[in-house]
Amino acid sequence: MAAGGAPTNMQKEQMFGLAEKEMEYRVDLFNRLTYTCFEKCIEKRHKEAELNMGENSCIDRCVSKYWQVTNLVGQLLGNQPKM
């Protein structure tokens, strides 16, 4: 940070770049989660406008497991020694 405590322009650009990468990661994660759980849980022939109880339950479990695995992998990668 600059002498006055405010971030410099270079630091602001770096923070913006990191925020942009984080947003791209989260959008990609959401898209992969949506695609994976949709393919797994939703029947190919749509019979109704609303999800049935089985589809709803499947989606709930799929999303929960997806987040658990994503968090676990993130923790494991965060604990890896630096090369």
PDB file of N, CA and C in Angstrom:
ATOM      1  N   MET A   1       0.834  -1.182   0.000  1.00  0.00           N
ATOM      2  CA  MET A   1       0.000   0.000   0.000  1.00  0.00           C
ATOM      3  C   MET A   1       0.869   1.232   0.000  1.00  0.00           C
ATOM      4  N   ALA A   2       0.305   2.289  -0.450  1.00  0.00           N
ATOM      5  CA  ALA A   2       1.023   3.554  -0.491  1.00  0.00           C
ATOM      6  C   ALA A   2       1.200   4.076   0.934  1.00  0.00           C
ATOM      7  N   ALA A   3       2.007   5.122   1.075  1.00  0.00           N
ATOM      8  CA  ALA A   3       2.345   5.665   2.387  1.00  0.00           C
ATOM      9  C   ALA A   3       1.093   6.065   3.172  1.00  0.00           C
ATOM     10  N   GLY A   4       0.082   6.589   2.525  1.00  0.00           N
ATOM     11  CA  GLY A   4      -1.137   7.029   3.202  1.00  0.00           C
ATOM     12  C   GLY A   4      -2.074   5.889   3.568  1.00  0.00           C
ATOM     13  N   GLY A   5      -1.746   4.663   3.195  1.00  0.00           N
ATOM     14  CA  GLY A   5      -2.596   3.525   3.517  1.00  0.00           C
ATOM     15  C   GLY A   5      -3.539   3.138   2.396  1.00  0.00           C
ATOM     16  N   ALA A   6      -3.691   3.996   1.406  1.00  0.00           N
ATOM     17  CA  ALA A   6      -4.573   3.689   0.276  1.00  0.00           C
ATOM     18  C   ALA A   6      -3.807   2.857  -0.749  1.00  0.00           C
ATOM     19  N   PRO A   7      -4.464   1.904  -1.401  1.00  0.00           N
ATOM     20  CA  PRO A   7      -3.774   1.088  -2.401  1.00  0.00           C
ATOM     21  C   PRO A   7      -3.364   1.922  -3.622  1.00  0.00           C
ATOM     22  N   THR A   8      -2.229   1.540  -4.199  1.00  0.00           N
ATOM     23  CA  THR A   8      -1.760   2.221  -5.404  1.00  0.00           C
ATOM     24  C   THR A   8      -2.572   1.725  -6.596  1.00  0.00           C
ATOM     25  N   ASN A   9      -2.402   2.405  -7.730  1.00  0.00           N
ATOM     26  CA  ASN A   9      -3.108   1.985  -8.945  1.00  0.00           C
ATOM     27  C   ASN A   9      -2.722   0.564  -9.342  1.00  0.00           C
ATOM     28  N   MET A  10      -1.456   0.216  -9.180  1.00  0.00           N
ATOM     29  CA  MET A  10      -0.999  -1.129  -9.530  1.00  0.00           C
ATOM     30  C   MET A  10      -1.658  -2.166  -8.620  1.00  0.00           C
ATOM     31  N   GLN A  11      -1.755  -1.859  -7.343  1.00  0.00           N
ATOM     32  CA  GLN A  11      -2.403  -2.774  -6.405  1.00  0.00           C
ATOM     33  C   GLN A  11      -3.896  -2.906  -6.715  1.00  0.00           C
ATOM     34  N   LYS A  12      -4.525  -1.801  -7.096  1.00  0.00           N
ATOM     35  CA  LYS A  12      -5.938  -1.841  -7.461  1.00  0.00           C
ATOM     36  C   LYS A  12      -6.144  -2.726  -8.683  1.00  0.00           C
ATOM     37  N   GLU A  13      -5.252  -2.605  -9.673  1.00  0.00           N
ATOM     38  CA  GLU A  13      -5.348  -3.434 -10.878  1.00  0.00           C
ATOM     39  C   GLU A  13      -5.162  -4.906 -10.537  1.00  0.00           C
ATOM     40  N   GLN A  14      -4.220  -5.208  -9.645  1.00  0.00           N
ATOM     41  CA  GLN A  14      -3.997  -6.596  -9.235  1.00  0.00           C
ATOM     42  C   GLN A  14      -5.223  -7.141  -8.492  1.00  0.00           C
ATOM     43  N   MET A  15      -5.793  -6.334  -7.606  1.00  0.00           N
ATOM     44  CA  MET A  15      -6.982  -6.764  -6.865  1.00  0.00           C
ATOM     45  C   MET A  15      -8.149  -6.984  -7.824  1.00  0.00           C
ATOM     46  N   PHE A  16      -8.309  -6.099  -8.802  1.00  0.00           N
ATOM     47  CA  PHE A  16      -9.373  -6.246  -9.785  1.00  0.00           C
ATOM     48  C   PHE A  16      -9.155  -7.510 -10.612  1.00  0.00           C
ATOM     49  N   GLY A  17      -7.911  -7.769 -11.001  1.00  0.00           N
ATOM     50  CA  GLY A  17      -7.591  -8.975 -11.773  1.00  0.00           C
ATOM     51  C   GLY A  17      -7.902 -10.238 -10.984  1.00  0.00           C
ATOM     52  N   LEU A  18      -7.570 -10.244  -9.698  1.00  0.00           N
ATOM     53  CA  LEU A  18      -7.876 -11.398  -8.850  1.00  0.00           C
ATOM     54  C   LEU A  18      -9.385 -11.584  -8.691  1.00  0.00           C
ATOM     55  N   ALA A  19     -10.096 -10.489  -8.515  1.00  0.00           N
ATOM     56  CA  ALA A  19     -11.556 -10.568  -8.387  1.00  0.00           C
ATOM     57  C   ALA A  19     -12.181 -11.080  -9.678  1.00  0.00           C
ATOM     58  N   GLU A  20     -11.644 -10.652 -10.805  1.00  0.00           N
ATOM     59  CA  GLU A  20     -12.145 -11.091 -12.101  1.00  0.00           C
ATOM     60  C   GLU A  20     -11.922 -12.602 -12.280  1.00  0.00           C
ATOM     61  N   LYS A  21     -10.730 -13.081 -11.902  1.00  0.00           N
ATOM     62  CA  LYS A  21     -10.427 -14.518 -11.986  1.00  0.00           C
ATOM     63  C   LYS A  21     -11.344 -15.314 -11.059  1.00  0.00           C
ATOM     64  N   GLU A  22     -11.573 -14.795  -9.866  1.00  0.00           N
ATOM     65  CA  GLU A  22     -12.459 -15.467  -8.917  1.00  0.00           C
ATOM     66  C   GLU A  22     -13.874 -15.568  -9.486  1.00  0.00           C
ATOM     67  N   MET A  23     -14.345 -14.502 -10.111  1.00  0.00           N
ATOM     68  CA  MET A  23     -15.688 -14.515 -10.700  1.00  0.00           C
ATOM     69  C   MET A  23     -15.760 -15.526 -11.840  1.00  0.00           C
ATOM     70  N   GLU A  24     -14.735 -15.564 -12.686  1.00  0.00           N
ATOM     71  CA  GLU A  24     -14.696 -16.540 -13.785  1.00  0.00           C
ATOM     72  C   GLU A  24     -14.726 -17.956 -13.229  1.00  0.00           C
ATOM     73  N   TYR A  25     -13.964 -18.198 -12.171  1.00  0.00           N
ATOM     74  CA  TYR A  25     -13.930 -19.523 -11.540  1.00  0.00           C
ATOM     75  C   TYR A  25     -15.313 -19.895 -11.012  1.00  0.00           C
ATOM     76  N   ARG A  26     -15.967 -18.970 -10.328  1.00  0.00           N
ATOM     77  CA  ARG A  26     -17.279 -19.260  -9.743  1.00  0.00           C
ATOM     78  C   ARG A  26     -18.335 -19.496 -10.818  1.00  0.00           C
ATOM     79  N   VAL A  27     -18.293 -18.742 -11.898  1.00  0.00           N
ATOM     80  CA  VAL A  27     -19.239 -18.954 -13.006  1.00  0.00           C
ATOM     81  C   VAL A  27     -18.999 -20.323 -13.637  1.00  0.00           C
ATOM     82  N   ASP A  28     -17.732 -20.673 -13.847  1.00  0.00           N
ATOM     83  CA  ASP A  28     -17.399 -21.979 -14.417  1.00  0.00           C
ATOM     84  C   ASP A  28     -17.855 -23.093 -13.488  1.00  0.00           C
ATOM     85  N   LEU A  29     -17.611 -22.950 -12.196  1.00  0.00           N
ATOM     86  CA  LEU A  29     -18.028 -23.942 -11.216  1.00  0.00           C
ATOM     87  C   LEU A  29     -19.547 -24.116 -11.237  1.00  0.00           C
ATOM     88  N   PHE A  30     -20.277 -23.013 -11.253  1.00  0.00           N
ATOM     89  CA  PHE A  30     -21.738 -23.072 -11.298  1.00  0.00           C
ATOM     90  C   PHE A  30     -22.216 -23.761 -12.570  1.00  0.00           C
ATOM     91  N   ASN A  31     -21.606 -23.419 -13.714  1.00  0.00           N
ATOM     92  CA  ASN A  31     -22.017 -24.031 -14.976  1.00  0.00           C
ATOM     93  C   ASN A  31     -21.754 -25.534 -14.986  1.00  0.00           C
ATOM     94  N   ARG A  32     -20.591 -25.950 -14.469  1.00  0.00           N
ATOM     95  CA  ARG A  32     -20.284 -27.383 -14.416  1.00  0.00           C
ATOM     96  C   ARG A  32     -21.221 -28.110 -13.457  1.00  0.00           C
ATOM     97  N   LEU A  33     -21.502 -27.506 -12.306  1.00  0.00           N
ATOM     98  CA  LEU A  33     -22.424 -28.101 -11.344  1.00  0.00           C
ATOM     99  C   LEU A  33     -23.811 -28.249 -11.961  1.00  0.00           C
ATOM    100  N   THR A  34     -24.289 -27.212 -12.609  1.00  0.00           N
ATOM    101  CA  THR A  34     -25.614 -27.244 -13.235  1.00  0.00           C
ATOM    102  C   THR A  34     -25.690 -28.333 -14.296  1.00  0.00           C
ATOM    103  N   TYR A  35     -24.695 -28.382 -15.166  1.00  0.00           N
ATOM    104  CA  TYR A  35     -24.682 -29.374 -16.238  1.00  0.00           C
ATOM    105  C   TYR A  35     -24.624 -30.796 -15.665  1.00  0.00           C
ATOM    106  N   THR A  36     -23.723 -31.025 -14.721  1.00  0.00           N
ATOM    107  CA  THR A  36     -23.538 -32.359 -14.153  1.00  0.00           C
ATOM    108  C   THR A  36     -24.811 -32.853 -13.469  1.00  0.00           C
ATOM    109  N   CYS A  37     -25.386 -32.035 -12.610  1.00  0.00           N
ATOM    110  CA  CYS A  37     -26.574 -32.465 -11.873  1.00  0.00           C
ATOM    111  C   CYS A  37     -27.799 -32.571 -12.778  1.00  0.00           C
ATOM    112  N   PHE A  38     -27.909 -31.709 -13.773  1.00  0.00           N
ATOM    113  CA  PHE A  38     -29.022 -31.799 -14.723  1.00  0.00           C
ATOM    114  C   PHE A  38     -28.943 -33.111 -15.493  1.00  0.00           C
ATOM    115  N   GLU A  39     -27.760 -33.426 -16.012  1.00  0.00           N
ATOM    116  CA  GLU A  39     -27.585 -34.663 -16.779  1.00  0.00           C
ATOM    117  C   GLU A  39     -27.866 -35.893 -15.921  1.00  0.00           C
ATOM    118  N   LYS A  40     -27.501 -35.835 -14.662  1.00  0.00           N
ATOM    119  CA  LYS A  40     -27.660 -36.984 -13.780  1.00  0.00           C
ATOM    120  C   LYS A  40     -29.100 -37.150 -13.305  1.00  0.00           C
ATOM    121  N   CYS A  41     -29.795 -36.059 -13.048  1.00  0.00           N
ATOM    122  CA  CYS A  41     -31.061 -36.128 -12.311  1.00  0.00           C
ATOM    123  C   CYS A  41     -32.329 -35.878 -13.115  1.00  0.00           C
ATOM    124  N   ILE A  42     -32.243 -35.197 -14.222  1.00  0.00           N
ATOM    125  CA  ILE A  42     -33.456 -34.801 -14.930  1.00  0.00           C
ATOM    126  C   ILE A  42     -33.706 -35.745 -16.096  1.00  0.00           C
ATOM    127  N   GLU A  43     -34.935 -36.239 -16.180  1.00  0.00           N
ATOM    128  CA  GLU A  43     -35.296 -37.134 -17.268  1.00  0.00           C
ATOM    129  C   GLU A  43     -35.155 -36.409 -18.605  1.00  0.00           C
ATOM    130  N   LYS A  44     -34.771 -37.167 -19.627  1.00  0.00           N
ATOM    131  CA  LYS A  44     -34.544 -36.569 -20.953  1.00  0.00           C
ATOM    132  C   LYS A  44     -35.844 -36.079 -21.576  1.00  0.00           C
ATOM    133  N   ARG A  45     -36.935 -36.778 -21.297  1.00  0.00           N
ATOM    134  CA  ARG A  45     -38.241 -36.335 -21.800  1.00  0.00           C
ATOM    135  C   ARG A  45     -38.947 -35.577 -20.687  1.00  0.00           C
ATOM    136  N   HIS A  46     -39.134 -34.311 -20.890  1.00  0.00           N
ATOM    137  CA  HIS A  46     -39.792 -33.491 -19.865  1.00  0.00           C
ATOM    138  C   HIS A  46     -41.291 -33.757 -19.908  1.00  0.00           C
ATOM    139  N   LYS A  47     -41.793 -34.304 -18.816  1.00  0.00           N
ATOM    140  CA  LYS A  47     -43.214 -34.621 -18.739  1.00  0.00           C
ATOM    141  C   LYS A  47     -44.002 -33.503 -18.074  1.00  0.00           C
ATOM    142  N   GLU A  48     -43.353 -32.799 -17.167  1.00  0.00           N
ATOM    143  CA  GLU A  48     -44.027 -31.772 -16.378  1.00  0.00           C
ATOM    144  C   GLU A  48     -43.196 -30.492 -16.372  1.00  0.00           C
ATOM    145  N   ALA A  49     -43.842 -29.395 -16.070  1.00  0.00           N
ATOM    146  CA  ALA A  49     -43.141 -28.112 -15.995  1.00  0.00           C
ATOM    147  C   ALA A  49     -42.308 -28.002 -14.717  1.00  0.00           C
ATOM    148  N   GLU A  50     -42.716 -28.716 -13.682  1.00  0.00           N
ATOM    149  CA  GLU A  50     -42.030 -28.674 -12.391  1.00  0.00           C
ATOM    150  C   GLU A  50     -41.234 -29.957 -12.177  1.00  0.00           C
ATOM    151  N   LEU A  51     -40.218 -29.875 -11.316  1.00  0.00           N
ATOM    152  CA  LEU A  51     -39.463 -31.073 -10.952  1.00  0.00           C
ATOM    153  C   LEU A  51     -40.337 -31.989 -10.106  1.00  0.00           C
ATOM    154  N   ASN A  52     -40.223 -33.294 -10.353  1.00  0.00           N
ATOM    155  CA  ASN A  52     -40.944 -34.224  -9.479  1.00  0.00           C
ATOM    156  C   ASN A  52     -40.117 -34.444  -8.218  1.00  0.00           C
ATOM    157  N   MET A  53     -40.670 -35.178  -7.250  1.00  0.00           N
ATOM    158  CA  MET A  53     -40.010 -35.344  -5.960  1.00  0.00           C
ATOM    159  C   MET A  53     -38.660 -36.059  -6.107  1.00  0.00           C
ATOM    160  N   GLY A  54     -38.586 -37.068  -6.959  1.00  0.00           N
ATOM    161  CA  GLY A  54     -37.336 -37.794  -7.164  1.00  0.00           C
ATOM    162  C   GLY A  54     -36.261 -36.918  -7.779  1.00  0.00           C
ATOM    163  N   GLU A  55     -36.625 -36.125  -8.782  1.00  0.00           N
ATOM    164  CA  GLU A  55     -35.666 -35.212  -9.418  1.00  0.00           C
ATOM    165  C   GLU A  55     -35.187 -34.161  -8.427  1.00  0.00           C
ATOM    166  N   ASN A  56     -36.114 -33.635  -7.657  1.00  0.00           N
ATOM    167  CA  ASN A  56     -35.779 -32.609  -6.675  1.00  0.00           C
ATOM    168  C   ASN A  56     -34.809 -33.155  -5.634  1.00  0.00           C
ATOM    169  N   SER A  57     -35.077 -34.352  -5.148  1.00  0.00           N
ATOM    170  CA  SER A  57     -34.210 -34.986  -4.166  1.00  0.00           C
ATOM    171  C   SER A  57     -32.829 -35.269  -4.762  1.00  0.00           C
ATOM    172  N   CYS A  58     -32.805 -35.757  -5.993  1.00  0.00           N
ATOM    173  CA  CYS A  58     -31.550 -36.053  -6.677  1.00  0.00           C
ATOM    174  C   CYS A  58     -30.709 -34.785  -6.848  1.00  0.00           C
ATOM    175  N   ILE A  59     -31.345 -33.714  -7.280  1.00  0.00           N
ATOM    176  CA  ILE A  59     -30.649 -32.434  -7.459  1.00  0.00           C
ATOM    177  C   ILE A  59     -30.054 -31.972  -6.134  1.00  0.00           C
ATOM    178  N   ASP A  60     -30.841 -32.073  -5.073  1.00  0.00           N
ATOM    179  CA  ASP A  60     -30.376 -31.645  -3.753  1.00  0.00           C
ATOM    180  C   ASP A  60     -29.135 -32.430  -3.331  1.00  0.00           C
ATOM    181  N   ARG A  61     -29.169 -33.752  -3.474  1.00  0.00           N
ATOM    182  CA  ARG A  61     -28.019 -34.588  -3.109  1.00  0.00           C
ATOM    183  C   ARG A  61     -26.825 -34.302  -4.010  1.00  0.00           C
ATOM    184  N   CYS A  62     -27.082 -34.157  -5.314  1.00  0.00           N
ATOM    185  CA  CYS A  62     -26.004 -33.919  -6.277  1.00  0.00           C
ATOM    186  C   CYS A  62     -25.267 -32.618  -5.959  1.00  0.00           C
ATOM    187  N   VAL A  63     -26.004 -31.554  -5.731  1.00  0.00           N
ATOM    188  CA  VAL A  63     -25.397 -30.254  -5.434  1.00  0.00           C
ATOM    189  C   VAL A  63     -24.616 -30.322  -4.122  1.00  0.00           C
ATOM    190  N   SER A  64     -25.195 -30.976  -3.127  1.00  0.00           N
ATOM    191  CA  SER A  64     -24.514 -31.108  -1.831  1.00  0.00           C
ATOM    192  C   SER A  64     -23.187 -31.854  -1.989  1.00  0.00           C
ATOM    193  N   LYS A  65     -23.200 -32.964  -2.693  1.00  0.00           N
ATOM    194  CA  LYS A  65     -21.971 -33.742  -2.896  1.00  0.00           C
ATOM    195  C   LYS A  65     -20.957 -32.955  -3.728  1.00  0.00           C
ATOM    196  N   TYR A  66     -21.435 -32.246  -4.736  1.00  0.00           N
ATOM    197  CA  TYR A  66     -20.543 -31.470  -5.591  1.00  0.00           C
ATOM    198  C   TYR A  66     -19.797 -30.423  -4.764  1.00  0.00           C
ATOM    199  N   TRP A  67     -20.524 -29.718  -3.879  1.00  0.00           N
ATOM    200  CA  TRP A  67     -19.898 -28.704  -3.036  1.00  0.00           C
ATOM    201  C   TRP A  67     -18.928 -29.328  -2.049  1.00  0.00           C
ATOM    202  N   GLN A  68     -19.300 -30.480  -1.472  1.00  0.00           N
ATOM    203  CA  GLN A  68     -18.410 -31.153  -0.531  1.00  0.00           C
ATOM    204  C   GLN A  68     -17.092 -31.524  -1.201  1.00  0.00           C
ATOM    205  N   VAL A  69     -17.183 -32.098  -2.389  1.00  0.00           N
ATOM    206  CA  VAL A  69     -15.973 -32.507  -3.107  1.00  0.00           C
ATOM    207  C   VAL A  69     -15.154 -31.284  -3.507  1.00  0.00           C
ATOM    208  N   THR A  70     -15.812 -30.246  -3.995  1.00  0.00           N
ATOM    209  CA  THR A  70     -15.106 -29.028  -4.393  1.00  0.00           C
ATOM    210  C   THR A  70     -14.356 -28.431  -3.203  1.00  0.00           C
ATOM    211  N   ASN A  71     -15.007 -28.389  -2.043  1.00  0.00           N
ATOM    212  CA  ASN A  71     -14.357 -27.858  -0.837  1.00  0.00           C
ATOM    213  C   ASN A  71     -13.199 -28.739  -0.399  1.00  0.00           C
ATOM    214  N   LEU A  72     -13.381 -30.049  -0.458  1.00  0.00           N
ATOM    215  CA  LEU A  72     -12.321 -30.975  -0.071  1.00  0.00           C
ATOM    216  C   LEU A  72     -11.103 -30.829  -0.978  1.00  0.00           C
ATOM    217  N   VAL A  73     -11.339 -30.770  -2.272  1.00  0.00           N
ATOM    218  CA  VAL A  73     -10.230 -30.604  -3.225  1.00  0.00           C
ATOM    219  C   VAL A  73      -9.533 -29.266  -2.980  1.00  0.00           C
ATOM    220  N   GLY A  74     -10.309 -28.212  -2.749  1.00  0.00           N
ATOM    221  CA  GLY A  74      -9.717 -26.907  -2.459  1.00  0.00           C
ATOM    222  C   GLY A  74      -8.843 -26.942  -1.215  1.00  0.00           C
ATOM    223  N   GLN A  75      -9.301 -27.636  -0.174  1.00  0.00           N
ATOM    224  CA  GLN A  75      -8.516 -27.751   1.054  1.00  0.00           C
ATOM    225  C   GLN A  75      -7.240 -28.544   0.805  1.00  0.00           C
ATOM    226  N   LEU A  76      -7.358 -29.645   0.067  1.00  0.00           N
ATOM    227  CA  LEU A  76      -6.185 -30.461  -0.212  1.00  0.00           C
ATOM    228  C   LEU A  76      -5.166 -29.700  -1.054  1.00  0.00           C
ATOM    229  N   LEU A  77      -5.647 -28.968  -2.045  1.00  0.00           N
ATOM    230  CA  LEU A  77      -4.731 -28.182  -2.873  1.00  0.00           C
ATOM    231  C   LEU A  77      -4.101 -27.041  -2.079  1.00  0.00           C
ATOM    232  N   GLY A  78      -4.847 -26.488  -1.139  1.00  0.00           N
ATOM    233  CA  GLY A  78      -4.335 -25.409  -0.303  1.00  0.00           C
ATOM    234  C   GLY A  78      -3.257 -25.876   0.661  1.00  0.00           C
ATOM    235  N   ASN A  79      -3.260 -27.162   0.966  1.00  0.00           N
ATOM    236  CA  ASN A  79      -2.270 -27.718   1.899  1.00  0.00           C
ATOM    237  C   ASN A  79      -1.056 -28.301   1.194  1.00  0.00           C
ATOM    238  N   GLN A  80      -1.025 -28.223  -0.123  1.00  0.00           N
ATOM    239  CA  GLN A  80       0.121 -28.765  -0.878  1.00  0.00           C
ATOM    240  C   GLN A  80       1.336 -27.877  -0.647  1.00  0.00           C
ATOM    241  N   PRO A  81       2.523 -28.499  -0.534  1.00  0.00           N
ATOM    242  CA  PRO A  81       3.745 -27.685  -0.394  1.00  0.00           C
ATOM    243  C   PRO A  81       4.021 -26.910  -1.687  1.00  0.00           C
ATOM    244  N   LYS A  82       4.546 -25.729  -1.545  1.00  0.00           N
ATOM    245  CA  LYS A  82       4.879 -24.873  -2.692  1.00  0.00           C
ATOM    246  C   LYS A  82       6.096 -25.433  -3.400  1.00  0.00           C
ATOM    247  N   MET A  83       6.058 -25.401  -4.724  1.00  0.00           N
ATOM    248  CA  MET A  83       7.200 -25.895  -5.515  1.00  0.00           C
ATOM    249  C   MET A  83       8.092 -24.772  -5.930  1.00  0.00           C
TER     250      MET A  83
END
